[in-house]
Amino acid sequence: MASIAVLGEERNILGFEPFGADVHFFSEGDGEIDNWFKTIVKKQYKLIIITETVAVKLKQQIDALWEKEVPVVFTIRGLGESTGIASERLRRLVIKAIGADLFKES
């Protein structure tokens, strides 16, 4: 099993599969997103990459993982309209990792 999972809509994440990541597609017809996400987290990935549109729906679950060392949850922008959550989460990860806000404007 790979230690990296990529979650999102098929059209946004299919390209990660050739690089050895486990891809998990979600579409509205798949049912309860909370249970889908819990099942993936139980697989003990080190890194979970998730598209913005799915991350918005899982905000509470992702925030709960924030305090844990692993998995690291990294949000990426999908092909649709940006909500800004991906850049904000990247900013928070950088601050957590190095203790400085590299994105802060002077």
C-alpha atoms as a PDB file:
ATOM      1  CA  MET A   1       0.000   0.000   0.000  1.00  0.00           C
ATOM      2  CA  ALA A   2       1.185   3.476  -0.823  1.00  0.00           C
ATOM      3  CA  SER A   3       1.709   5.942   1.993  1.00  0.00           C
ATOM      4  CA  ILE A   4       0.065   8.689  -0.066  1.00  0.00           C
ATOM      5  CA  ALA A   5      -3.628   8.970  -0.833  1.00  0.00           C
ATOM      6  CA  VAL A   6      -5.158  11.463  -3.223  1.00  0.00           C
ATOM      7  CA  LEU A   7      -8.848  12.261  -2.794  1.00  0.00           C
ATOM      8  CA  GLY A   8     -11.175  14.134  -5.072  1.00  0.00           C
ATOM      9  CA  GLU A   9     -13.052  14.079  -8.314  1.00  0.00           C
ATOM     10  CA  GLU A  10     -11.757  11.655 -10.926  1.00  0.00           C
ATOM     11  CA  ARG A  11     -10.971  14.341 -13.514  1.00  0.00           C
ATOM     12  CA  ASN A  12      -8.794  16.187 -10.986  1.00  0.00           C
ATOM     13  CA  ILE A  13      -6.726  13.387  -9.473  1.00  0.00           C
ATOM     14  CA  LEU A  14      -6.391  10.557 -11.975  1.00  0.00           C
ATOM     15  CA  GLY A  15      -2.910  11.804 -12.927  1.00  0.00           C
ATOM     16  CA  PHE A  16      -1.521  10.919  -9.484  1.00  0.00           C
ATOM     17  CA  GLU A  17      -2.017   7.174  -9.946  1.00  0.00           C
ATOM     18  CA  PRO A  18       1.029   6.542 -12.200  1.00  0.00           C
ATOM     19  CA  PHE A  19       3.231   7.990  -9.449  1.00  0.00           C
ATOM     20  CA  GLY A  20       2.235   5.307  -6.952  1.00  0.00           C
ATOM     21  CA  ALA A  21      -0.373   7.198  -4.962  1.00  0.00           C
ATOM     22  CA  ASP A  22      -3.638   5.542  -4.016  1.00  0.00           C
ATOM     23  CA  VAL A  23      -6.401   7.563  -5.624  1.00  0.00           C
ATOM     24  CA  HIS A  24      -9.876   7.679  -4.127  1.00  0.00           C
ATOM     25  CA  PHE A  25     -12.561   9.227  -6.286  1.00  0.00           C
ATOM     26  CA  PHE A  26     -15.613  10.922  -4.832  1.00  0.00           C
ATOM     27  CA  SER A  27     -18.747  11.997  -6.593  1.00  0.00           C
ATOM     28  CA  GLU A  28     -22.052  13.166  -5.145  1.00  0.00           C
ATOM     29  CA  GLY A  29     -23.659   9.822  -5.993  1.00  0.00           C
ATOM     30  CA  ASP A  30     -21.231   7.926  -3.742  1.00  0.00           C
ATOM     31  CA  GLY A  31     -23.257   8.578  -0.593  1.00  0.00           C
ATOM     32  CA  GLU A  32     -22.047   9.776   2.792  1.00  0.00           C
ATOM     33  CA  ILE A  33     -18.760  11.672   2.407  1.00  0.00           C
ATOM     34  CA  ASP A  34     -17.963  11.474   6.143  1.00  0.00           C
ATOM     35  CA  ASN A  35     -17.930   7.657   6.142  1.00  0.00           C
ATOM     36  CA  TRP A  36     -15.961   7.585   2.900  1.00  0.00           C
ATOM     37  CA  PHE A  37     -13.282   9.824   4.446  1.00  0.00           C
ATOM     38  CA  LYS A  38     -13.154   7.871   7.737  1.00  0.00           C
ATOM     39  CA  THR A  39     -12.538   4.657   5.804  1.00  0.00           C
ATOM     40  CA  ILE A  40      -9.594   6.255   3.996  1.00  0.00           C
ATOM     41  CA  VAL A  41      -8.089   7.729   7.191  1.00  0.00           C
ATOM     42  CA  LYS A  42      -8.205   4.271   8.836  1.00  0.00           C
ATOM     43  CA  LYS A  43      -5.750   3.041   6.188  1.00  0.00           C
ATOM     44  CA  GLN A  44      -3.051   5.072   7.974  1.00  0.00           C
ATOM     45  CA  TYR A  45      -1.641   7.067   5.099  1.00  0.00           C
ATOM     46  CA  LYS A  46       1.222   9.447   5.885  1.00  0.00           C
ATOM     47  CA  LEU A  47       0.014  12.075   3.408  1.00  0.00           C
ATOM     48  CA  ILE A  48      -3.498  12.745   2.167  1.00  0.00           C
ATOM     49  CA  ILE A  49      -3.808  15.130  -0.764  1.00  0.00           C
ATOM     50  CA  ILE A  50      -7.355  16.368  -1.241  1.00  0.00           C
ATOM     51  CA  THR A  51      -9.033  18.673  -3.754  1.00  0.00           C
ATOM     52  CA  GLU A  52     -10.611  21.912  -2.534  1.00  0.00           C
ATOM     53  CA  THR A  53     -14.152  20.947  -3.447  1.00  0.00           C
ATOM     54  CA  VAL A  54     -13.985  17.791  -1.349  1.00  0.00           C
ATOM     55  CA  ALA A  55     -11.997  19.467   1.455  1.00  0.00           C
ATOM     56  CA  VAL A  56     -14.712  22.082   1.920  1.00  0.00           C
ATOM     57  CA  LYS A  57     -17.206  19.296   2.658  1.00  0.00           C
ATOM     58  CA  LEU A  58     -14.807  17.665   5.153  1.00  0.00           C
ATOM     59  CA  LYS A  59     -13.583  20.779   6.979  1.00  0.00           C
ATOM     60  CA  GLN A  60     -14.344  19.497  10.498  1.00  0.00           C
ATOM     61  CA  GLN A  61     -12.728  16.106   9.903  1.00  0.00           C
ATOM     62  CA  ILE A  62      -9.632  17.670   8.351  1.00  0.00           C
ATOM     63  CA  ASP A  63      -9.350  20.203  11.177  1.00  0.00           C
ATOM     64  CA  ALA A  64      -9.503  17.318  13.686  1.00  0.00           C
ATOM     65  CA  LEU A  65      -6.501  15.695  11.978  1.00  0.00           C
ATOM     66  CA  TRP A  66      -4.543  18.954  12.142  1.00  0.00           C
ATOM     67  CA  GLU A  67      -3.299  18.269  15.671  1.00  0.00           C
ATOM     68  CA  LYS A  68      -1.918  14.843  14.748  1.00  0.00           C
ATOM     69  CA  GLU A  69       1.536  14.317  13.323  1.00  0.00           C
ATOM     70  CA  VAL A  70       0.206  12.021  10.585  1.00  0.00           C
ATOM     71  CA  PRO A  71      -1.527  12.037   8.283  1.00  0.00           C
ATOM     72  CA  VAL A  72      -0.557  15.378   6.854  1.00  0.00           C
ATOM     73  CA  VAL A  73      -3.546  16.651   4.879  1.00  0.00           C
ATOM     74  CA  PHE A  74      -2.597  18.842   1.945  1.00  0.00           C
ATOM     75  CA  THR A  75      -5.323  20.606  -0.031  1.00  0.00           C
ATOM     76  CA  ILE A  76      -4.879  21.249  -3.732  1.00  0.00           C
ATOM     77  CA  ARG A  77      -6.903  23.263  -6.140  1.00  0.00           C
ATOM     78  CA  GLY A  78      -9.100  21.300  -8.525  1.00  0.00           C
ATOM     79  CA  LEU A  79     -10.153  22.238 -12.025  1.00  0.00           C
ATOM     80  CA  GLY A  80     -13.170  24.209 -10.833  1.00  0.00           C
ATOM     81  CA  GLU A  81     -13.481  27.561  -9.154  1.00  0.00           C
ATOM     82  CA  SER A  82     -11.090  28.163  -6.263  1.00  0.00           C
ATOM     83  CA  THR A  83     -12.394  28.699  -2.748  1.00  0.00           C
ATOM     84  CA  GLY A  84      -9.010  29.820  -1.409  1.00  0.00           C
ATOM     85  CA  ILE A  85      -8.868  26.941   1.066  1.00  0.00           C
ATOM     86  CA  ALA A  86      -5.893  25.310  -0.690  1.00  0.00           C
ATOM     87  CA  SER A  87      -3.628  28.331  -0.361  1.00  0.00           C
ATOM     88  CA  GLU A  88      -4.707  28.984   3.233  1.00  0.00           C
ATOM     89  CA  ARG A  89      -4.010  25.385   4.275  1.00  0.00           C
ATOM     90  CA  LEU A  90      -0.612  25.510   2.542  1.00  0.00           C
ATOM     91  CA  ARG A  91       0.168  28.685   4.456  1.00  0.00           C
ATOM     92  CA  ARG A  92      -0.798  26.999   7.743  1.00  0.00           C
ATOM     93  CA  LEU A  93       1.344  23.938   6.932  1.00  0.00           C
ATOM     94  CA  VAL A  94       4.378  26.123   6.248  1.00  0.00           C
ATOM     95  CA  ILE A  95       3.871  28.020   9.507  1.00  0.00           C
ATOM     96  CA  LYS A  96       3.508  24.721  11.382  1.00  0.00           C
ATOM     97  CA  ALA A  97       6.640  23.280   9.762  1.00  0.00           C
ATOM     98  CA  ILE A  98       9.047  26.212  10.029  1.00  0.00           C
ATOM     99  CA  GLY A  99       7.369  28.588  12.434  1.00  0.00           C
ATOM    100  CA  ALA A 100       7.265  31.505  10.025  1.00  0.00           C
ATOM    101  CA  ASP A 101       4.652  32.901   7.655  1.00  0.00           C
ATOM    102  CA  LEU A 102       6.371  32.992   4.273  1.00  0.00           C
ATOM    103  CA  PHE A 103       3.138  34.159   2.633  1.00  0.00           C
ATOM    104  CA  LYS A 104       2.791  37.282   4.753  1.00  0.00           C
ATOM    105  CA  GLU A 105       2.905  40.453   2.745  1.00  0.00           C
ATOM    106  CA  SER A 106       5.219  43.158   4.038  1.00  0.00           C
END
